[in-house]
Amino acid sequence: MAKREPKTADELLDAVGPAFGKLRRSSLLEVENPISQKDLSRTLVLRVVLEAEREAEPAAEQGAAQGEADERSDAGEITVGAVAQHLGVDPSVASRMVSDCISAGYLVRAASQRDGRRTVLHLSPEGRELMARFGRHQRSAFECITADWTERDRLEFARLMLKYVDSQDALRHRPPVKDAVR
């Protein structure tokens, strides 16, 4: 069956949404060391925790260099509620997802160093290994999918994809917009 290429700018832009849906499913391609469907879902939670840890590292290093403690109360500390917020799911759904990751040995719960009443999440060594394996799997899938592309096209697509994701993150971190109409 021949694919119909979008002819107009509107057709091309309308095709982007469905294409993103296909991207997630292509993560399961049978390339080297395939990731199970269950572990693919777990990587959603693990990615949130990993990114929070990475974002906290520069702030902690800068504060230590200046002899100051990081004033952000939750810098690098991820709770189940934060996972729910990042994934856009109900807290009860996030709780089940986190519990599954803990049962699988990918996450550990710990008391917050800032507020001992709070429980925070950290990647276990097994969780870090799964994320490293998932990264290798994603790279293999990308290389397999784009094998017949020119090097220039591959790098340009990668650059634009990263730019898109950065723009998406900027939207998520923007200050709330107050409603003008009430």
N, C-alpha and C. Protein backbone atom coordinates (compact mmCIF):
# COMPACT_ATOMS: atom_id res chain seq x y z
N MET A 1 0.84 -1.17 0.00
CA MET A 1 0.00 0.00 0.00
C MET A 1 0.89 1.24 0.00
N ALA A 2 0.72 2.09 -0.98
CA ALA A 2 1.54 3.29 -1.10
C ALA A 2 1.09 4.33 -0.09
N LYS A 3 2.08 4.97 0.52
CA LYS A 3 1.76 6.04 1.47
C LYS A 3 1.50 7.32 0.71
N ARG A 4 0.50 8.05 1.16
CA ARG A 4 0.18 9.35 0.57
C ARG A 4 0.93 10.42 1.34
N GLU A 5 1.80 11.12 0.68
CA GLU A 5 2.56 12.19 1.31
C GLU A 5 1.68 13.43 1.45
N PRO A 6 1.73 14.11 2.60
CA PRO A 6 0.97 15.36 2.74
C PRO A 6 1.42 16.36 1.68
N LYS A 7 0.44 17.04 1.08
CA LYS A 7 0.75 17.96 -0.01
C LYS A 7 0.84 19.40 0.46
N THR A 8 0.06 19.76 1.45
CA THR A 8 0.05 21.15 1.90
C THR A 8 0.67 21.25 3.29
N ALA A 9 0.98 22.47 3.70
CA ALA A 9 1.53 22.69 5.04
C ALA A 9 0.53 22.23 6.10
N ASP A 10 -0.76 22.51 5.90
CA ASP A 10 -1.78 22.08 6.87
C ASP A 10 -1.85 20.56 6.97
N GLU A 11 -1.80 19.88 5.84
CA GLU A 11 -1.82 18.41 5.86
C GLU A 11 -0.60 17.86 6.60
N LEU A 12 0.55 18.47 6.36
CA LEU A 12 1.77 18.03 7.03
C LEU A 12 1.65 18.24 8.54
N LEU A 13 1.20 19.41 8.96
CA LEU A 13 1.08 19.70 10.39
C LEU A 13 0.00 18.85 11.05
N ASP A 14 -1.08 18.55 10.32
CA ASP A 14 -2.13 17.68 10.86
C ASP A 14 -1.63 16.24 11.05
N ALA A 15 -0.64 15.85 10.29
CA ALA A 15 -0.10 14.48 10.39
C ALA A 15 0.87 14.31 11.56
N VAL A 16 1.30 15.40 12.17
CA VAL A 16 2.28 15.32 13.26
C VAL A 16 1.71 14.60 14.48
N GLY A 17 0.49 14.93 14.90
CA GLY A 17 -0.10 14.30 16.09
C GLY A 17 -0.15 12.79 16.00
N PRO A 18 -0.76 12.24 14.95
CA PRO A 18 -0.76 10.78 14.81
C PRO A 18 0.64 10.18 14.73
N ALA A 19 1.58 10.93 14.16
CA ALA A 19 2.95 10.43 14.08
C ALA A 19 3.56 10.26 15.47
N PHE A 20 3.25 11.18 16.38
CA PHE A 20 3.77 11.04 17.75
C PHE A 20 3.21 9.80 18.43
N GLY A 21 1.96 9.47 18.16
CA GLY A 21 1.38 8.25 18.72
C GLY A 21 2.12 7.01 18.24
N LYS A 22 2.51 7.02 16.97
CA LYS A 22 3.26 5.89 16.42
C LYS A 22 4.68 5.82 16.99
N LEU A 23 5.26 6.96 17.35
CA LEU A 23 6.61 6.96 17.91
C LEU A 23 6.69 6.14 19.19
N ARG A 24 5.74 6.31 20.07
CA ARG A 24 5.75 5.57 21.34
C ARG A 24 5.67 4.07 21.08
N ARG A 25 4.80 3.69 20.17
CA ARG A 25 4.66 2.26 19.87
C ARG A 25 5.92 1.70 19.22
N SER A 26 6.65 2.51 18.48
CA SER A 26 7.86 2.01 17.81
C SER A 26 8.98 1.75 18.81
N SER A 27 8.83 2.21 20.05
CA SER A 27 9.84 1.93 21.08
C SER A 27 9.96 0.44 21.34
N LEU A 28 8.95 -0.32 20.98
CA LEU A 28 8.95 -1.75 21.23
C LEU A 28 9.54 -2.56 20.08
N LEU A 29 10.09 -1.88 19.09
CA LEU A 29 10.66 -2.60 17.95
C LEU A 29 11.64 -3.67 18.41
N GLU A 30 11.65 -4.75 17.71
CA GLU A 30 12.53 -5.87 18.04
C GLU A 30 13.95 -5.57 17.57
N VAL A 31 14.61 -4.67 18.25
CA VAL A 31 16.03 -4.44 18.01
C VAL A 31 16.77 -5.18 19.12
N GLU A 32 18.09 -5.03 19.16
CA GLU A 32 18.85 -5.74 20.20
C GLU A 32 18.31 -5.41 21.58
N ASN A 33 18.30 -6.41 22.45
CA ASN A 33 17.85 -6.26 23.83
C ASN A 33 16.51 -5.54 23.94
N PRO A 34 15.45 -6.12 23.39
CA PRO A 34 14.15 -5.44 23.44
C PRO A 34 13.67 -5.23 24.88
N ILE A 35 12.89 -4.19 25.07
CA ILE A 35 12.33 -3.82 26.36
C ILE A 35 10.92 -4.39 26.43
N SER A 36 10.56 -5.01 27.55
CA SER A 36 9.21 -5.55 27.69
C SER A 36 8.20 -4.42 27.79
N GLN A 37 6.96 -4.72 27.47
CA GLN A 37 5.87 -3.74 27.57
C GLN A 37 5.79 -3.20 29.00
N LYS A 38 5.93 -4.09 29.98
CA LYS A 38 5.85 -3.69 31.39
C LYS A 38 6.99 -2.74 31.75
N ASP A 39 8.22 -3.09 31.36
CA ASP A 39 9.35 -2.22 31.67
C ASP A 39 9.27 -0.90 30.90
N LEU A 40 8.68 -0.92 29.71
CA LEU A 40 8.49 0.32 28.97
C LEU A 40 7.61 1.28 29.77
N SER A 41 6.54 0.76 30.37
CA SER A 41 5.67 1.59 31.21
C SER A 41 6.42 2.08 32.45
N ARG A 42 7.24 1.21 33.01
CA ARG A 42 8.00 1.59 34.21
C ARG A 42 8.98 2.71 33.91
N THR A 43 9.51 2.75 32.69
CA THR A 43 10.48 3.80 32.37
C THR A 43 9.85 5.19 32.42
N LEU A 44 8.53 5.29 32.27
CA LEU A 44 7.87 6.59 32.40
C LEU A 44 8.11 7.16 33.79
N VAL A 45 7.90 6.33 34.81
CA VAL A 45 8.09 6.76 36.20
C VAL A 45 9.57 6.99 36.48
N LEU A 46 10.40 6.05 36.05
CA LEU A 46 11.83 6.16 36.32
C LEU A 46 12.43 7.40 35.68
N ARG A 47 11.94 7.77 34.50
CA ARG A 47 12.44 8.98 33.82
C ARG A 47 12.15 10.23 34.65
N VAL A 48 10.97 10.31 35.26
CA VAL A 48 10.62 11.46 36.10
C VAL A 48 11.61 11.57 37.27
N VAL A 49 11.88 10.45 37.92
CA VAL A 49 12.80 10.45 39.07
C VAL A 49 14.21 10.79 38.62
N LEU A 50 14.66 10.19 37.53
CA LEU A 50 16.00 10.42 37.01
C LEU A 50 16.20 11.88 36.62
N GLU A 51 15.23 12.47 35.94
CA GLU A 51 15.35 13.87 35.53
C GLU A 51 15.38 14.80 36.74
N ALA A 52 14.61 14.51 37.77
CA ALA A 52 14.63 15.34 38.98
C ALA A 52 15.99 15.27 39.65
N GLU A 53 16.57 14.07 39.70
CA GLU A 53 17.90 13.93 40.28
C GLU A 53 18.93 14.71 39.47
N ARG A 54 18.84 14.64 38.17
CA ARG A 54 19.79 15.36 37.31
C ARG A 54 19.63 16.87 37.43
N GLU A 55 18.39 17.34 37.53
CA GLU A 55 18.16 18.78 37.67
C GLU A 55 18.68 19.29 39.00
N ALA A 56 18.66 18.46 40.04
CA ALA A 56 19.10 18.87 41.36
C ALA A 56 20.62 18.93 41.48
N GLU A 57 21.34 18.13 40.71
CA GLU A 57 22.80 18.06 40.82
C GLU A 57 23.48 19.42 40.60
N PRO A 58 23.20 20.15 39.51
CA PRO A 58 23.87 21.44 39.32
C PRO A 58 23.54 22.44 40.42
N ALA A 59 22.29 22.44 40.90
CA ALA A 59 21.90 23.36 41.96
C ALA A 59 22.66 23.04 43.25
N ALA A 60 22.80 21.76 43.55
CA ALA A 60 23.52 21.36 44.76
C ALA A 60 25.00 21.70 44.65
N GLU A 61 25.58 21.47 43.47
CA GLU A 61 26.99 21.80 43.27
C GLU A 61 27.23 23.29 43.38
N GLN A 62 26.34 24.09 42.80
CA GLN A 62 26.48 25.53 42.85
C GLN A 62 26.36 26.02 44.29
N GLY A 63 25.38 25.49 45.03
CA GLY A 63 25.21 25.88 46.43
C GLY A 63 26.40 25.50 47.27
N ALA A 64 26.96 24.32 47.03
CA ALA A 64 28.13 23.87 47.78
C ALA A 64 29.34 24.76 47.47
N ALA A 65 29.48 25.16 46.21
CA ALA A 65 30.59 26.01 45.82
C ALA A 65 30.49 27.38 46.48
N GLN A 66 29.26 27.83 46.72
CA GLN A 66 29.04 29.12 47.34
C GLN A 66 28.87 28.99 48.86
N GLY A 67 28.97 27.76 49.36
CA GLY A 67 28.82 27.53 50.79
C GLY A 67 27.40 27.69 51.28
N GLU A 68 26.44 27.48 50.40
CA GLU A 68 25.03 27.65 50.75
C GLU A 68 24.28 26.35 50.56
N ALA A 69 23.22 26.20 51.31
CA ALA A 69 22.31 25.07 51.11
C ALA A 69 21.32 25.46 50.04
N ASP A 70 20.84 24.51 49.30
CA ASP A 70 19.82 24.76 48.28
C ASP A 70 18.52 25.11 48.99
N GLU A 71 17.97 26.25 48.69
CA GLU A 71 16.77 26.73 49.37
C GLU A 71 15.49 26.08 48.84
N ARG A 72 15.56 25.48 47.66
CA ARG A 72 14.35 24.87 47.11
C ARG A 72 14.01 23.65 47.95
N SER A 73 12.81 23.64 48.52
CA SER A 73 12.45 22.60 49.48
C SER A 73 12.38 21.22 48.87
N ASP A 74 12.12 21.14 47.60
CA ASP A 74 11.97 19.80 47.01
C ASP A 74 12.94 19.55 45.87
N ALA A 75 14.05 20.26 45.86
CA ALA A 75 15.04 20.07 44.80
C ALA A 75 15.56 18.65 44.81
N GLY A 76 15.32 17.93 43.74
CA GLY A 76 15.81 16.57 43.62
C GLY A 76 15.00 15.55 44.38
N GLU A 77 14.00 15.99 45.10
CA GLU A 77 13.18 15.06 45.87
C GLU A 77 11.85 14.87 45.16
N ILE A 78 11.61 13.66 44.73
CA ILE A 78 10.38 13.35 43.99
C ILE A 78 9.48 12.49 44.86
N THR A 79 8.25 12.92 44.96
CA THR A 79 7.23 12.17 45.69
C THR A 79 6.27 11.53 44.69
N VAL A 80 5.39 10.69 45.21
CA VAL A 80 4.37 10.09 44.34
C VAL A 80 3.51 11.19 43.72
N GLY A 81 3.19 12.22 44.49
CA GLY A 81 2.40 13.34 43.97
C GLY A 81 3.09 14.04 42.82
N ALA A 82 4.41 14.20 42.92
CA ALA A 82 5.16 14.84 41.83
C ALA A 82 5.17 13.96 40.59
N VAL A 83 5.24 12.64 40.78
CA VAL A 83 5.17 11.72 39.64
C VAL A 83 3.82 11.88 38.96
N ALA A 84 2.75 11.93 39.75
CA ALA A 84 1.40 12.10 39.19
C ALA A 84 1.32 13.38 38.37
N GLN A 85 1.85 14.47 38.94
CA GLN A 85 1.80 15.76 38.25
C GLN A 85 2.60 15.71 36.95
N HIS A 86 3.80 15.17 36.98
CA HIS A 86 4.64 15.11 35.77
C HIS A 86 4.02 14.24 34.68
N LEU A 87 3.37 13.14 35.08
CA LEU A 87 2.79 12.24 34.08
C LEU A 87 1.36 12.62 33.70
N GLY A 88 0.77 13.56 34.43
CA GLY A 88 -0.60 13.97 34.13
C GLY A 88 -1.62 12.89 34.45
N VAL A 89 -1.38 12.16 35.55
CA VAL A 89 -2.30 11.09 35.95
C VAL A 89 -2.80 11.36 37.37
N ASP A 90 -3.86 10.67 37.74
CA ASP A 90 -4.41 10.76 39.08
C ASP A 90 -3.39 10.23 40.09
N PRO A 91 -3.32 10.82 41.30
CA PRO A 91 -2.37 10.32 42.31
C PRO A 91 -2.50 8.83 42.61
N SER A 92 -3.72 8.28 42.56
CA SER A 92 -3.87 6.85 42.83
C SER A 92 -3.23 6.01 41.72
N VAL A 93 -3.30 6.49 40.49
CA VAL A 93 -2.65 5.79 39.37
C VAL A 93 -1.13 5.86 39.55
N ALA A 94 -0.63 7.05 39.88
CA ALA A 94 0.81 7.20 40.10
C ALA A 94 1.28 6.32 41.24
N SER A 95 0.48 6.21 42.29
CA SER A 95 0.84 5.38 43.43
C SER A 95 1.00 3.92 43.01
N ARG A 96 0.08 3.43 42.19
CA ARG A 96 0.18 2.05 41.71
C ARG A 96 1.40 1.87 40.81
N MET A 97 1.67 2.85 39.96
CA MET A 97 2.83 2.77 39.08
C MET A 97 4.13 2.75 39.89
N VAL A 98 4.21 3.61 40.90
CA VAL A 98 5.39 3.68 41.75
C VAL A 98 5.55 2.37 42.53
N SER A 99 4.45 1.87 43.08
CA SER A 99 4.51 0.60 43.83
C SER A 99 5.02 -0.53 42.96
N ASP A 100 4.60 -0.55 41.70
CA ASP A 100 5.07 -1.58 40.77
C ASP A 100 6.58 -1.45 40.55
N CYS A 101 7.06 -0.22 40.40
CA CYS A 101 8.51 0.00 40.20
C CYS A 101 9.30 -0.41 41.44
N ILE A 102 8.73 -0.16 42.61
CA ILE A 102 9.39 -0.57 43.86
C ILE A 102 9.42 -2.08 43.96
N SER A 103 8.29 -2.73 43.67
CA SER A 103 8.22 -4.20 43.71
C SER A 103 9.20 -4.84 42.73
N ALA A 104 9.41 -4.19 41.59
CA ALA A 104 10.34 -4.72 40.58
C ALA A 104 11.79 -4.44 40.95
N GLY A 105 12.00 -3.62 41.99
CA GLY A 105 13.37 -3.32 42.43
C GLY A 105 14.00 -2.14 41.74
N TYR A 106 13.21 -1.34 41.02
CA TYR A 106 13.76 -0.21 40.27
C TYR A 106 13.77 1.10 41.05
N LEU A 107 12.93 1.22 42.05
CA LEU A 107 12.84 2.41 42.89
C LEU A 107 12.93 2.01 44.35
N VAL A 108 13.40 2.95 45.17
CA VAL A 108 13.37 2.78 46.62
C VAL A 108 12.72 4.02 47.23
N ARG A 109 12.03 3.79 48.34
CA ARG A 109 11.45 4.90 49.10
C ARG A 109 12.43 5.28 50.20
N ALA A 110 12.46 6.57 50.51
CA ALA A 110 13.33 7.06 51.59
C ALA A 110 12.66 8.27 52.23
N ALA A 111 13.09 8.56 53.45
CA ALA A 111 12.60 9.76 54.12
C ALA A 111 13.29 10.97 53.50
N SER A 112 12.54 12.04 53.33
CA SER A 112 13.10 13.28 52.80
C SER A 112 14.16 13.80 53.76
N GLN A 113 15.25 14.29 53.21
CA GLN A 113 16.29 14.90 54.03
C GLN A 113 15.89 16.29 54.48
N ARG A 114 14.90 16.87 53.83
CA ARG A 114 14.42 18.22 54.17
C ARG A 114 13.24 18.19 55.13
N ASP A 115 12.44 17.14 55.03
CA ASP A 115 11.25 17.01 55.88
C ASP A 115 11.00 15.52 56.07
N GLY A 116 11.39 15.00 57.22
CA GLY A 116 11.31 13.57 57.49
C GLY A 116 9.92 12.99 57.42
N ARG A 117 8.90 13.84 57.38
CA ARG A 117 7.52 13.35 57.27
C ARG A 117 7.18 12.95 55.84
N ARG A 118 7.97 13.45 54.90
CA ARG A 118 7.71 13.15 53.48
C ARG A 118 8.49 11.92 53.04
N THR A 119 7.89 11.16 52.16
CA THR A 119 8.56 10.01 51.56
C THR A 119 8.93 10.38 50.13
N VAL A 120 10.18 10.18 49.79
CA VAL A 120 10.66 10.51 48.46
C VAL A 120 11.15 9.25 47.75
N LEU A 121 11.33 9.36 46.46
CA LEU A 121 11.71 8.22 45.62
C LEU A 121 13.11 8.42 45.05
N HIS A 122 13.85 7.31 44.97
CA HIS A 122 15.18 7.32 44.37
C HIS A 122 15.31 6.09 43.47
N LEU A 123 16.08 6.24 42.40
CA LEU A 123 16.36 5.08 41.56
C LEU A 123 17.30 4.14 42.31
N SER A 124 17.03 2.86 42.19
CA SER A 124 17.94 1.84 42.72
C SER A 124 19.01 1.59 41.66
N PRO A 125 20.08 0.88 41.99
CA PRO A 125 21.05 0.51 40.95
C PRO A 125 20.38 -0.24 39.78
N GLU A 126 19.39 -1.09 40.10
CA GLU A 126 18.68 -1.82 39.04
C GLU A 126 17.87 -0.86 38.17
N GLY A 127 17.30 0.18 38.78
CA GLY A 127 16.57 1.19 38.03
C GLY A 127 17.48 1.97 37.10
N ARG A 128 18.67 2.30 37.59
CA ARG A 128 19.65 3.01 36.75
C ARG A 128 20.07 2.13 35.57
N GLU A 129 20.25 0.84 35.83
CA GLU A 129 20.63 -0.08 34.75
C GLU A 129 19.51 -0.21 33.72
N LEU A 130 18.26 -0.29 34.18
CA LEU A 130 17.14 -0.36 33.23
C LEU A 130 17.11 0.89 32.37
N MET A 131 17.31 2.06 32.96
CA MET A 131 17.28 3.29 32.18
C MET A 131 18.45 3.35 31.19
N ALA A 132 19.61 2.85 31.59
CA ALA A 132 20.75 2.81 30.67
C ALA A 132 20.45 1.85 29.51
N ARG A 133 19.87 0.70 29.84
CA ARG A 133 19.51 -0.28 28.80
C ARG A 133 18.44 0.30 27.88
N PHE A 134 17.47 1.02 28.45
CA PHE A 134 16.42 1.63 27.65
C PHE A 134 17.01 2.69 26.71
N GLY A 135 17.97 3.46 27.21
CA GLY A 135 18.63 4.45 26.36
C GLY A 135 19.34 3.79 25.18
N ARG A 136 20.02 2.68 25.47
CA ARG A 136 20.69 1.95 24.38
C ARG A 136 19.67 1.40 23.39
N HIS A 137 18.54 0.92 23.91
CA HIS A 137 17.48 0.39 23.05
C HIS A 137 16.92 1.50 22.16
N GLN A 138 16.68 2.67 22.74
CA GLN A 138 16.15 3.78 21.95
C GLN A 138 17.13 4.18 20.85
N ARG A 139 18.40 4.21 21.18
CA ARG A 139 19.42 4.56 20.18
C ARG A 139 19.42 3.52 19.05
N SER A 140 19.36 2.24 19.41
CA SER A 140 19.33 1.18 18.40
C SER A 140 18.10 1.29 17.51
N ALA A 141 16.95 1.57 18.14
CA ALA A 141 15.72 1.71 17.36
C ALA A 141 15.83 2.89 16.40
N PHE A 142 16.37 4.02 16.87
CA PHE A 142 16.54 5.20 16.02
C PHE A 142 17.45 4.87 14.84
N GLU A 143 18.56 4.20 15.12
CA GLU A 143 19.50 3.86 14.06
C GLU A 143 18.89 2.88 13.06
N CYS A 144 18.09 1.95 13.56
CA CYS A 144 17.42 0.98 12.68
C CYS A 144 16.39 1.69 11.79
N ILE A 145 15.58 2.53 12.39
CA ILE A 145 14.52 3.23 11.66
C ILE A 145 15.09 4.17 10.61
N THR A 146 16.20 4.83 10.93
CA THR A 146 16.77 5.83 10.03
C THR A 146 17.97 5.30 9.25
N ALA A 147 18.10 4.00 9.16
CA ALA A 147 19.26 3.39 8.50
C ALA A 147 19.45 3.86 7.06
N ASP A 148 18.36 4.13 6.36
CA ASP A 148 18.50 4.55 4.96
C ASP A 148 18.46 6.08 4.79
N TRP A 149 18.53 6.81 5.90
CA TRP A 149 18.59 8.27 5.85
C TRP A 149 20.04 8.71 5.68
N THR A 150 20.20 9.91 5.16
CA THR A 150 21.55 10.47 5.13
C THR A 150 21.94 10.87 6.55
N GLU A 151 23.24 10.94 6.79
CA GLU A 151 23.73 11.36 8.11
C GLU A 151 23.20 12.75 8.45
N ARG A 152 23.16 13.61 7.44
CA ARG A 152 22.68 14.97 7.65
C ARG A 152 21.21 14.96 8.09
N ASP A 153 20.37 14.15 7.44
CA ASP A 153 18.95 14.06 7.81
C ASP A 153 18.78 13.50 9.23
N ARG A 154 19.56 12.48 9.56
CA ARG A 154 19.49 11.89 10.90
C ARG A 154 19.80 12.93 11.97
N LEU A 155 20.91 13.65 11.78
CA LEU A 155 21.32 14.63 12.78
C LEU A 155 20.36 15.81 12.84
N GLU A 156 19.84 16.23 11.70
CA GLU A 156 18.88 17.34 11.69
C GLU A 156 17.59 16.93 12.40
N PHE A 157 17.11 15.72 12.13
CA PHE A 157 15.91 15.24 12.82
C PHE A 157 16.15 15.17 14.32
N ALA A 158 17.30 14.63 14.72
CA ALA A 158 17.62 14.53 16.15
C ALA A 158 17.67 15.92 16.78
N ARG A 159 18.31 16.87 16.11
CA ARG A 159 18.40 18.24 16.63
C ARG A 159 17.02 18.86 16.78
N LEU A 160 16.17 18.71 15.77
CA LEU A 160 14.83 19.28 15.83
C LEU A 160 13.95 18.58 16.87
N MET A 161 14.10 17.27 17.02
CA MET A 161 13.34 16.55 18.04
C MET A 161 13.72 17.05 19.44
N LEU A 162 15.01 17.24 19.69
CA LEU A 162 15.45 17.75 20.99
C LEU A 162 14.96 19.18 21.21
N LYS A 163 14.96 19.98 20.17
CA LYS A 163 14.45 21.35 20.27
C LYS A 163 12.96 21.32 20.61
N TYR A 164 12.22 20.42 20.00
CA TYR A 164 10.79 20.28 20.27
C TYR A 164 10.56 19.90 21.73
N VAL A 165 11.31 18.92 22.21
CA VAL A 165 11.16 18.47 23.60
C VAL A 165 11.53 19.59 24.57
N ASP A 166 12.58 20.34 24.27
CA ASP A 166 12.95 21.47 25.13
C ASP A 166 11.83 22.51 25.17
N SER A 167 11.22 22.78 24.04
CA SER A 167 10.09 23.73 24.00
C SER A 167 8.91 23.21 24.79
N GLN A 168 8.68 21.91 24.71
CA GLN A 168 7.59 21.29 25.47
C GLN A 168 7.87 21.42 26.97
N ASP A 169 9.10 21.18 27.40
CA ASP A 169 9.47 21.33 28.81
C ASP A 169 9.30 22.77 29.27
N ALA A 170 9.66 23.72 28.42
CA ALA A 170 9.51 25.13 28.78
C ALA A 170 8.04 25.46 29.02
N LEU A 171 7.14 24.89 28.23
CA LEU A 171 5.71 25.11 28.45
C LEU A 171 5.27 24.54 29.79
N ARG A 172 5.79 23.37 30.13
CA ARG A 172 5.41 22.73 31.39
C ARG A 172 5.90 23.53 32.59
N HIS A 173 7.03 24.21 32.46
CA HIS A 173 7.61 24.95 33.57
C HIS A 173 7.24 26.43 33.59
N ARG A 174 6.38 26.85 32.68
CA ARG A 174 6.01 28.27 32.66
C ARG A 174 5.11 28.57 33.86
N PRO A 175 5.09 29.84 34.28
CA PRO A 175 4.21 30.20 35.41
C PRO A 175 2.75 30.06 35.00
N PRO A 176 1.88 29.76 35.96
CA PRO A 176 0.46 29.62 35.63
C PRO A 176 -0.10 30.93 35.08
N VAL A 177 -0.98 30.78 34.10
CA VAL A 177 -1.63 31.94 33.49
C VAL A 177 -2.92 32.20 34.25
N LYS A 178 -3.09 33.45 34.69
CA LYS A 178 -4.32 33.81 35.39
C LYS A 178 -5.42 34.03 34.37
N ASP A 179 -6.60 33.52 34.69
CA ASP A 179 -7.75 33.70 33.81
C ASP A 179 -8.18 35.15 33.82
N ALA A 180 -8.29 35.74 32.65
CA ALA A 180 -8.74 37.13 32.54
C ALA A 180 -10.25 37.21 32.70
N VAL A 181 -10.95 36.16 32.29
CA VAL A 181 -12.41 36.14 32.36
C VAL A 181 -12.82 35.20 33.48
N ARG A 182 -13.68 35.67 34.34
CA ARG A 182 -14.14 34.82 35.45
C ARG A 182 -15.61 34.66 35.43
